[in-house]
């Protein structure tokens, strides 16, 4: 069964630390606005939220306006990327939609890129051996940066999984 997940990104002002733009994708629907109430409605009742560097960045700003977001399990593609793609030289989102480096980011494009990266990460995890999956899960499951991912894919560090390894 497909799980309901909202992929999002925010643009935060460097000087004023305010949210200037939000982009999100949920199934086939898209959201691109700075209206926080509309974003709360768009993400209402989602099972998961996902994005690149959301746990220690985006959610820090959004939870002040919408504390409900902290109750939704978060998946952060930034922490999964070096784990699942260790040969990549860096793990930031590629901003190929920006022609100049001083242009503002487009959070809707970044949300879509995070969605693509997330599904690449799911596929990379699924391609691992059961032993490696279990090692990663046992070591990382309790960390906020990884728990949402393992919950999404339904992989938990229980003895029943360990017994399959023997």
N, C-alpha and C. Protein backbone atom coordinates (compact mmCIF):
# COMPACT_ATOMS: atom_id res chain seq x y z
N UNK A 1 0.84 -1.19 0.00
CA UNK A 1 0.00 0.00 0.00
C UNK A 1 0.88 1.25 0.00
N UNK A 2 0.60 2.16 -0.89
CA UNK A 2 1.34 3.41 -0.99
C UNK A 2 0.99 4.31 0.19
N UNK A 3 2.02 4.89 0.79
CA UNK A 3 1.82 5.75 1.96
C UNK A 3 1.77 7.21 1.52
N UNK A 4 0.99 7.99 2.24
CA UNK A 4 0.78 9.40 1.93
C UNK A 4 1.94 10.24 2.46
N UNK A 5 2.67 10.86 1.55
CA UNK A 5 3.87 11.60 1.93
C UNK A 5 3.85 12.97 1.24
N UNK A 6 4.20 14.00 1.99
CA UNK A 6 4.32 15.36 1.45
C UNK A 6 5.80 15.69 1.36
N UNK A 7 6.25 15.97 0.15
CA UNK A 7 7.63 16.40 -0.10
C UNK A 7 7.60 17.92 -0.14
N UNK A 8 8.49 18.57 0.63
CA UNK A 8 8.44 20.03 0.65
C UNK A 8 9.81 20.65 0.84
N UNK A 9 9.86 21.93 0.56
CA UNK A 9 11.05 22.73 0.79
C UNK A 9 10.58 24.15 1.11
N UNK A 10 11.39 24.85 1.89
CA UNK A 10 11.10 26.26 2.21
C UNK A 10 12.28 27.12 1.82
N UNK A 11 12.00 28.36 1.59
CA UNK A 11 13.06 29.35 1.42
C UNK A 11 12.97 30.29 2.61
N UNK A 12 14.06 30.32 3.38
CA UNK A 12 14.14 31.12 4.60
C UNK A 12 15.07 32.29 4.33
N UNK A 13 14.65 33.49 4.75
CA UNK A 13 15.49 34.67 4.58
C UNK A 13 16.75 34.57 5.41
N UNK A 14 17.88 34.89 4.81
CA UNK A 14 19.16 34.82 5.50
C UNK A 14 19.20 35.83 6.65
N UNK A 15 18.71 37.03 6.40
CA UNK A 15 18.78 38.09 7.40
C UNK A 15 17.61 38.06 8.38
N UNK A 16 16.40 37.89 7.87
CA UNK A 16 15.23 37.98 8.75
C UNK A 16 14.77 36.64 9.30
N UNK A 17 15.30 35.52 8.79
CA UNK A 17 14.96 34.16 9.25
C UNK A 17 13.46 33.89 9.16
N UNK A 18 12.81 34.52 8.18
CA UNK A 18 11.38 34.30 7.95
C UNK A 18 11.19 33.40 6.74
N UNK A 19 10.07 32.72 6.69
CA UNK A 19 9.73 31.88 5.54
C UNK A 19 9.24 32.79 4.42
N UNK A 20 9.94 32.73 3.28
CA UNK A 20 9.58 33.56 2.14
C UNK A 20 8.87 32.79 1.04
N UNK A 21 8.97 31.47 1.06
CA UNK A 21 8.34 30.67 0.01
C UNK A 21 8.31 29.20 0.46
N UNK A 22 7.28 28.49 0.04
CA UNK A 22 7.14 27.07 0.32
C UNK A 22 6.73 26.37 -0.97
N UNK A 23 7.36 25.26 -1.24
CA UNK A 23 6.97 24.42 -2.37
C UNK A 23 6.75 23.01 -1.86
N UNK A 24 5.73 22.34 -2.38
CA UNK A 24 5.43 20.99 -1.90
C UNK A 24 4.77 20.17 -3.01
N UNK A 25 4.92 18.86 -2.87
CA UNK A 25 4.31 17.90 -3.78
C UNK A 25 3.66 16.83 -2.92
N UNK A 26 2.44 16.48 -3.27
CA UNK A 26 1.72 15.41 -2.56
C UNK A 26 0.91 14.65 -3.60
N UNK A 27 1.34 13.43 -3.85
CA UNK A 27 0.76 12.65 -4.95
C UNK A 27 0.91 13.47 -6.23
N UNK A 28 -0.15 13.79 -6.93
CA UNK A 28 -0.05 14.57 -8.16
C UNK A 28 -0.28 16.06 -7.91
N UNK A 29 -0.61 16.43 -6.68
CA UNK A 29 -0.90 17.83 -6.37
C UNK A 29 0.39 18.58 -6.02
N UNK A 30 0.42 19.86 -6.39
CA UNK A 30 1.56 20.70 -6.06
C UNK A 30 1.09 21.92 -5.29
N UNK A 31 1.99 22.45 -4.48
CA UNK A 31 1.73 23.65 -3.69
C UNK A 31 2.93 24.57 -3.85
N UNK A 32 2.67 25.85 -4.12
CA UNK A 32 3.75 26.82 -4.22
C UNK A 32 3.20 28.18 -3.78
N UNK A 33 3.50 28.53 -2.55
CA UNK A 33 2.97 29.76 -1.96
C UNK A 33 3.72 30.04 -0.67
N UNK A 34 3.52 31.21 -0.14
CA UNK A 34 4.07 31.53 1.18
C UNK A 34 2.97 31.46 2.24
N UNK A 35 1.74 31.15 1.82
CA UNK A 35 0.61 31.12 2.73
C UNK A 35 0.71 29.88 3.63
N UNK A 36 1.01 30.12 4.90
CA UNK A 36 1.24 29.02 5.84
C UNK A 36 -0.03 28.25 6.16
N UNK A 37 -1.17 28.93 6.20
CA UNK A 37 -2.43 28.22 6.45
C UNK A 37 -2.76 27.27 5.30
N UNK A 38 -2.52 27.74 4.08
CA UNK A 38 -2.77 26.87 2.93
C UNK A 38 -1.82 25.68 2.93
N UNK A 39 -0.58 25.90 3.33
CA UNK A 39 0.36 24.77 3.42
C UNK A 39 -0.09 23.79 4.50
N UNK A 40 -0.57 24.30 5.63
CA UNK A 40 -1.08 23.42 6.68
C UNK A 40 -2.24 22.58 6.16
N UNK A 41 -3.10 23.20 5.37
CA UNK A 41 -4.22 22.46 4.79
C UNK A 41 -3.73 21.45 3.76
N UNK A 42 -2.76 21.84 2.94
CA UNK A 42 -2.20 20.95 1.92
C UNK A 42 -1.56 19.72 2.55
N UNK A 43 -0.88 19.90 3.68
CA UNK A 43 -0.17 18.79 4.32
C UNK A 43 -0.99 18.08 5.40
N UNK A 44 -2.23 18.51 5.59
CA UNK A 44 -3.09 17.93 6.63
C UNK A 44 -3.25 16.43 6.45
N UNK A 45 -3.07 15.71 7.54
CA UNK A 45 -3.26 14.26 7.63
C UNK A 45 -2.27 13.44 6.81
N UNK A 46 -1.17 14.05 6.43
CA UNK A 46 -0.13 13.27 5.75
C UNK A 46 0.47 12.28 6.73
N UNK A 47 0.88 11.13 6.23
CA UNK A 47 1.52 10.13 7.08
C UNK A 47 2.99 10.47 7.33
N UNK A 48 3.63 11.14 6.33
CA UNK A 48 5.04 11.49 6.41
C UNK A 48 5.26 12.83 5.72
N UNK A 49 6.29 13.54 6.17
CA UNK A 49 6.80 14.69 5.43
C UNK A 49 8.25 14.36 5.06
N UNK A 50 8.68 14.86 3.90
CA UNK A 50 10.01 14.53 3.42
C UNK A 50 10.61 15.72 2.69
N UNK A 51 11.91 15.85 2.84
CA UNK A 51 12.63 16.89 2.11
C UNK A 51 14.12 16.75 2.37
N UNK A 52 14.88 17.65 1.79
CA UNK A 52 16.33 17.62 1.90
C UNK A 52 16.76 18.64 2.95
N UNK A 53 17.30 18.17 4.05
CA UNK A 53 17.73 19.00 5.19
C UNK A 53 16.54 19.63 5.91
N UNK A 54 15.45 18.90 6.04
CA UNK A 54 14.27 19.45 6.71
C UNK A 54 14.32 19.30 8.22
N UNK A 55 14.95 18.27 8.73
CA UNK A 55 14.90 18.02 10.17
C UNK A 55 15.58 19.13 10.96
N UNK A 56 16.74 19.56 10.52
CA UNK A 56 17.46 20.58 11.27
C UNK A 56 17.40 21.95 10.61
N UNK A 57 16.57 22.09 9.59
CA UNK A 57 16.43 23.41 8.96
C UNK A 57 14.95 23.77 8.80
N UNK A 58 14.29 23.25 7.78
CA UNK A 58 12.93 23.67 7.44
C UNK A 58 11.94 23.49 8.59
N UNK A 59 11.95 22.33 9.23
CA UNK A 59 10.99 22.08 10.30
C UNK A 59 11.21 23.00 11.50
N UNK A 60 12.43 23.45 11.68
CA UNK A 60 12.74 24.38 12.77
C UNK A 60 11.93 25.66 12.64
N UNK A 61 11.69 26.10 11.41
CA UNK A 61 10.93 27.32 11.17
C UNK A 61 9.44 27.05 11.04
N UNK A 62 9.08 25.95 10.39
CA UNK A 62 7.67 25.64 10.18
C UNK A 62 6.94 25.25 11.46
N UNK A 63 7.62 24.59 12.38
CA UNK A 63 6.92 24.12 13.58
C UNK A 63 6.48 25.30 14.46
N UNK A 64 7.13 26.44 14.35
CA UNK A 64 6.71 27.62 15.12
C UNK A 64 5.34 28.10 14.65
N UNK A 65 5.06 27.92 13.37
CA UNK A 65 3.79 28.36 12.80
C UNK A 65 2.77 27.23 12.83
N UNK A 66 3.23 26.01 12.61
CA UNK A 66 2.35 24.85 12.56
C UNK A 66 2.94 23.72 13.39
N UNK A 67 2.72 23.72 14.73
CA UNK A 67 3.29 22.69 15.60
C UNK A 67 2.86 21.27 15.24
N UNK A 68 1.76 21.12 14.52
CA UNK A 68 1.27 19.79 14.10
C UNK A 68 2.30 19.05 13.25
N UNK A 69 3.14 19.80 12.52
CA UNK A 69 4.14 19.16 11.66
C UNK A 69 5.13 18.31 12.45
N UNK A 70 5.34 18.64 13.71
CA UNK A 70 6.27 17.85 14.51
C UNK A 70 5.70 16.49 14.87
N UNK A 71 4.38 16.33 14.73
CA UNK A 71 3.75 15.04 15.02
C UNK A 71 3.78 14.09 13.83
N UNK A 72 4.16 14.60 12.67
CA UNK A 72 4.23 13.77 11.47
C UNK A 72 5.66 13.25 11.33
N UNK A 73 5.85 11.95 11.14
CA UNK A 73 7.21 11.43 10.96
C UNK A 73 7.90 12.12 9.78
N UNK A 74 9.15 12.52 10.01
CA UNK A 74 9.92 13.23 8.99
C UNK A 74 10.98 12.33 8.38
N UNK A 75 11.16 12.46 7.08
CA UNK A 75 12.21 11.75 6.35
C UNK A 75 13.11 12.81 5.74
N UNK A 76 14.39 12.73 6.05
CA UNK A 76 15.35 13.73 5.56
C UNK A 76 16.32 13.06 4.59
N UNK A 77 16.20 13.41 3.32
CA UNK A 77 17.04 12.78 2.30
C UNK A 77 18.51 13.14 2.43
N UNK A 78 18.82 14.24 3.11
CA UNK A 78 20.22 14.64 3.28
C UNK A 78 21.01 13.59 4.05
N UNK A 79 20.45 13.02 5.09
CA UNK A 79 21.17 12.05 5.92
C UNK A 79 21.24 10.68 5.26
N UNK A 80 20.27 10.36 4.44
CA UNK A 80 20.26 9.07 3.76
C UNK A 80 21.23 9.03 2.59
N UNK A 81 21.46 10.17 1.95
CA UNK A 81 22.27 10.21 0.74
C UNK A 81 23.70 9.66 0.92
N UNK A 82 24.47 10.12 1.92
CA UNK A 82 25.82 9.56 2.05
C UNK A 82 25.83 8.09 2.45
N UNK A 83 24.80 7.66 3.14
CA UNK A 83 24.70 6.27 3.55
C UNK A 83 24.45 5.36 2.35
N UNK A 84 23.55 5.78 1.48
CA UNK A 84 23.12 4.93 0.37
C UNK A 84 23.87 5.21 -0.94
N UNK A 85 24.52 6.36 -1.02
CA UNK A 85 25.31 6.70 -2.20
C UNK A 85 26.69 7.19 -1.76
N UNK A 86 27.48 6.33 -1.14
CA UNK A 86 28.76 6.76 -0.56
C UNK A 86 29.80 7.22 -1.59
N UNK A 87 29.66 6.85 -2.84
CA UNK A 87 30.66 7.24 -3.84
C UNK A 87 30.40 8.63 -4.43
N UNK A 88 29.25 9.21 -4.13
CA UNK A 88 28.98 10.57 -4.63
C UNK A 88 29.88 11.57 -3.92
N UNK A 89 30.39 12.56 -4.65
CA UNK A 89 31.33 13.50 -4.02
C UNK A 89 30.66 14.49 -3.06
N UNK A 90 29.38 14.74 -3.23
CA UNK A 90 28.65 15.64 -2.33
C UNK A 90 27.19 15.21 -2.29
N UNK A 91 26.46 15.75 -1.34
CA UNK A 91 25.10 15.25 -1.11
C UNK A 91 24.05 16.35 -1.03
N UNK A 92 24.35 17.50 -1.60
CA UNK A 92 23.34 18.55 -1.68
C UNK A 92 22.49 18.31 -2.92
N UNK A 93 21.31 18.93 -2.95
CA UNK A 93 20.47 18.81 -4.14
C UNK A 93 21.12 19.56 -5.28
N UNK A 94 21.08 18.99 -6.47
CA UNK A 94 21.64 19.64 -7.64
C UNK A 94 20.64 20.69 -8.11
N UNK A 95 21.10 21.92 -8.22
CA UNK A 95 20.24 23.04 -8.60
C UNK A 95 20.41 23.34 -10.08
N UNK A 96 20.09 22.36 -10.93
CA UNK A 96 20.27 22.55 -12.36
C UNK A 96 19.23 23.47 -12.99
N UNK A 97 18.22 23.86 -12.21
CA UNK A 97 17.22 24.78 -12.74
C UNK A 97 17.65 26.23 -12.58
N UNK A 98 18.74 26.49 -11.85
CA UNK A 98 19.23 27.84 -11.64
C UNK A 98 20.29 28.17 -12.68
N UNK A 99 20.08 29.24 -13.41
CA UNK A 99 21.05 29.64 -14.41
C UNK A 99 22.20 30.44 -13.80
N UNK A 100 21.90 31.15 -12.72
CA UNK A 100 22.93 31.93 -12.05
C UNK A 100 22.91 31.56 -10.57
N UNK A 101 24.08 31.58 -9.95
CA UNK A 101 24.17 31.16 -8.56
C UNK A 101 23.53 32.15 -7.60
N UNK A 102 23.32 33.39 -8.02
CA UNK A 102 22.73 34.37 -7.11
C UNK A 102 21.20 34.41 -7.22
N UNK A 103 20.61 33.57 -8.07
CA UNK A 103 19.17 33.49 -8.16
C UNK A 103 18.61 32.83 -6.91
N UNK A 104 17.39 33.20 -6.55
CA UNK A 104 16.72 32.54 -5.43
C UNK A 104 16.39 31.11 -5.81
N UNK A 105 16.39 30.25 -4.83
CA UNK A 105 15.99 28.87 -5.05
C UNK A 105 14.50 28.80 -5.28
N UNK A 106 14.08 27.78 -6.00
CA UNK A 106 12.66 27.53 -6.22
C UNK A 106 12.29 26.33 -5.36
N UNK A 107 11.55 26.55 -4.26
CA UNK A 107 11.27 25.44 -3.36
C UNK A 107 10.41 24.34 -3.96
N UNK A 108 9.57 24.66 -4.95
CA UNK A 108 8.79 23.61 -5.59
C UNK A 108 9.71 22.68 -6.38
N UNK A 109 10.67 23.25 -7.12
CA UNK A 109 11.64 22.41 -7.82
C UNK A 109 12.45 21.57 -6.84
N UNK A 110 12.84 22.18 -5.72
CA UNK A 110 13.62 21.44 -4.72
C UNK A 110 12.79 20.32 -4.08
N UNK A 111 11.51 20.56 -3.87
CA UNK A 111 10.64 19.51 -3.32
C UNK A 111 10.54 18.35 -4.30
N UNK A 112 10.44 18.66 -5.60
CA UNK A 112 10.36 17.61 -6.62
C UNK A 112 11.69 16.84 -6.71
N UNK A 113 12.80 17.54 -6.58
CA UNK A 113 14.10 16.88 -6.59
C UNK A 113 14.27 15.99 -5.35
N UNK A 114 13.81 16.47 -4.21
CA UNK A 114 13.87 15.66 -2.99
C UNK A 114 13.01 14.41 -3.15
N UNK A 115 11.87 14.53 -3.81
CA UNK A 115 11.01 13.37 -4.05
C UNK A 115 11.74 12.35 -4.92
N UNK A 116 12.38 12.80 -5.98
CA UNK A 116 13.12 11.88 -6.85
C UNK A 116 14.27 11.22 -6.08
N UNK A 117 14.99 12.02 -5.30
CA UNK A 117 16.09 11.48 -4.51
C UNK A 117 15.58 10.46 -3.50
N UNK A 118 14.45 10.75 -2.86
CA UNK A 118 13.89 9.82 -1.88
C UNK A 118 13.61 8.46 -2.51
N UNK A 119 12.96 8.45 -3.66
CA UNK A 119 12.65 7.16 -4.28
C UNK A 119 13.91 6.46 -4.78
N UNK A 120 14.92 7.22 -5.19
CA UNK A 120 16.22 6.61 -5.49
C UNK A 120 16.82 5.97 -4.24
N UNK A 121 16.67 6.64 -3.10
CA UNK A 121 17.19 6.10 -1.84
C UNK A 121 16.43 4.84 -1.42
N UNK A 122 15.13 4.83 -1.60
CA UNK A 122 14.35 3.62 -1.30
C UNK A 122 14.84 2.47 -2.16
N UNK A 123 15.03 2.72 -3.46
CA UNK A 123 15.51 1.66 -4.36
C UNK A 123 16.91 1.20 -3.97
N UNK A 124 17.78 2.13 -3.60
CA UNK A 124 19.15 1.76 -3.19
C UNK A 124 19.12 0.92 -1.93
N UNK A 125 18.27 1.29 -0.97
CA UNK A 125 18.16 0.50 0.26
C UNK A 125 17.63 -0.90 -0.05
N UNK A 126 16.62 -0.98 -0.88
CA UNK A 126 16.03 -2.28 -1.22
C UNK A 126 17.02 -3.19 -1.95
N UNK A 127 18.01 -2.61 -2.62
CA UNK A 127 19.01 -3.40 -3.34
C UNK A 127 20.11 -3.94 -2.42
N UNK A 128 20.16 -3.47 -1.19
CA UNK A 128 21.17 -3.94 -0.23
C UNK A 128 20.85 -5.35 0.25
N UNK A 129 21.85 -6.04 0.73
CA UNK A 129 21.61 -7.35 1.33
C UNK A 129 20.83 -7.18 2.63
N UNK A 130 20.14 -8.22 3.02
CA UNK A 130 19.38 -8.18 4.26
C UNK A 130 20.27 -7.87 5.46
N UNK A 131 21.49 -8.43 5.46
CA UNK A 131 22.41 -8.18 6.58
C UNK A 131 22.77 -6.71 6.69
N UNK A 132 23.09 -6.08 5.58
CA UNK A 132 23.46 -4.66 5.60
C UNK A 132 22.25 -3.81 6.00
N UNK A 133 21.07 -4.14 5.49
CA UNK A 133 19.86 -3.42 5.87
C UNK A 133 19.67 -3.48 7.39
N UNK A 134 19.84 -4.66 7.94
CA UNK A 134 19.64 -4.83 9.38
C UNK A 134 20.68 -4.07 10.18
N UNK A 135 21.93 -4.08 9.73
CA UNK A 135 22.98 -3.34 10.42
C UNK A 135 22.64 -1.85 10.42
N UNK A 136 22.29 -1.31 9.26
CA UNK A 136 21.93 0.11 9.18
C UNK A 136 20.75 0.42 10.10
N UNK A 137 19.75 -0.43 10.05
CA UNK A 137 18.54 -0.19 10.84
C UNK A 137 18.84 -0.26 12.34
N UNK A 138 19.59 -1.26 12.76
CA UNK A 138 19.92 -1.39 14.19
C UNK A 138 20.74 -0.21 14.69
N UNK A 139 21.65 0.28 13.87
CA UNK A 139 22.50 1.38 14.28
C UNK A 139 21.80 2.74 14.23
N UNK A 140 20.87 2.91 13.29
CA UNK A 140 20.36 4.25 13.02
C UNK A 140 18.89 4.48 13.36
N UNK A 141 18.15 3.44 13.63
CA UNK A 141 16.70 3.55 13.81
C UNK A 141 16.30 4.56 14.87
N UNK A 142 17.03 4.63 15.95
CA UNK A 142 16.63 5.53 17.05
C UNK A 142 16.93 7.00 16.75
N UNK A 143 17.70 7.28 15.71
CA UNK A 143 18.01 8.66 15.36
C UNK A 143 16.88 9.29 14.57
N UNK A 144 16.51 10.51 14.95
CA UNK A 144 15.41 11.21 14.26
C UNK A 144 15.68 11.35 12.77
N UNK A 145 16.95 11.44 12.39
CA UNK A 145 17.32 11.63 11.00
C UNK A 145 17.03 10.40 10.14
N UNK A 146 16.81 9.23 10.75
CA UNK A 146 16.64 7.99 10.00
C UNK A 146 15.34 7.25 10.31
N UNK A 147 14.76 7.46 11.47
CA UNK A 147 13.60 6.68 11.90
C UNK A 147 12.43 6.77 10.92
N UNK A 148 12.15 7.97 10.43
CA UNK A 148 11.04 8.14 9.48
C UNK A 148 11.21 7.30 8.23
N UNK A 149 12.44 7.23 7.73
CA UNK A 149 12.72 6.42 6.55
C UNK A 149 12.44 4.95 6.82
N UNK A 150 12.98 4.44 7.92
CA UNK A 150 12.77 3.02 8.24
C UNK A 150 11.29 2.72 8.49
N UNK A 151 10.58 3.65 9.13
CA UNK A 151 9.15 3.45 9.33
C UNK A 151 8.40 3.45 8.00
N UNK A 152 8.80 4.34 7.10
CA UNK A 152 8.14 4.41 5.79
C UNK A 152 8.28 3.09 5.04
N UNK A 153 9.48 2.53 5.03
CA UNK A 153 9.68 1.28 4.28
C UNK A 153 9.31 0.04 5.09
N UNK A 154 8.96 0.24 6.36
CA UNK A 154 8.52 -0.88 7.18
C UNK A 154 9.64 -1.80 7.63
N UNK A 155 10.80 -1.23 7.87
CA UNK A 155 11.94 -2.03 8.32
C UNK A 155 12.30 -1.60 9.74
N UNK A 156 12.20 -2.53 10.67
CA UNK A 156 12.44 -2.22 12.08
C UNK A 156 13.50 -3.14 12.66
N UNK A 157 14.24 -2.65 13.65
CA UNK A 157 15.33 -3.47 14.22
C UNK A 157 14.85 -4.44 15.29
N UNK A 158 14.04 -5.40 14.88
CA UNK A 158 13.54 -6.36 15.86
C UNK A 158 14.21 -7.71 15.68
N UNK A 159 14.12 -8.49 16.70
CA UNK A 159 14.74 -9.81 16.68
C UNK A 159 14.25 -10.65 15.50
N UNK A 160 13.00 -10.46 15.11
CA UNK A 160 12.48 -11.24 13.99
C UNK A 160 13.29 -11.00 12.72
N UNK A 161 13.77 -9.78 12.52
CA UNK A 161 14.63 -9.51 11.36
C UNK A 161 16.00 -10.13 11.54
N UNK A 162 16.53 -10.11 12.75
CA UNK A 162 17.83 -10.68 13.01
C UNK A 162 17.82 -12.19 12.79
N UNK A 163 16.74 -12.84 13.18
CA UNK A 163 16.64 -14.28 12.99
C UNK A 163 16.70 -14.68 11.53
N UNK A 164 16.23 -13.81 10.62
CA UNK A 164 16.29 -14.10 9.19
C UNK A 164 17.73 -14.14 8.71
N UNK A 165 18.61 -13.48 9.40
CA UNK A 165 20.01 -13.41 8.98
C UNK A 165 20.77 -14.70 9.29
N UNK A 166 20.32 -15.44 10.27
CA UNK A 166 21.05 -16.62 10.74
C UNK A 166 20.77 -17.82 9.86
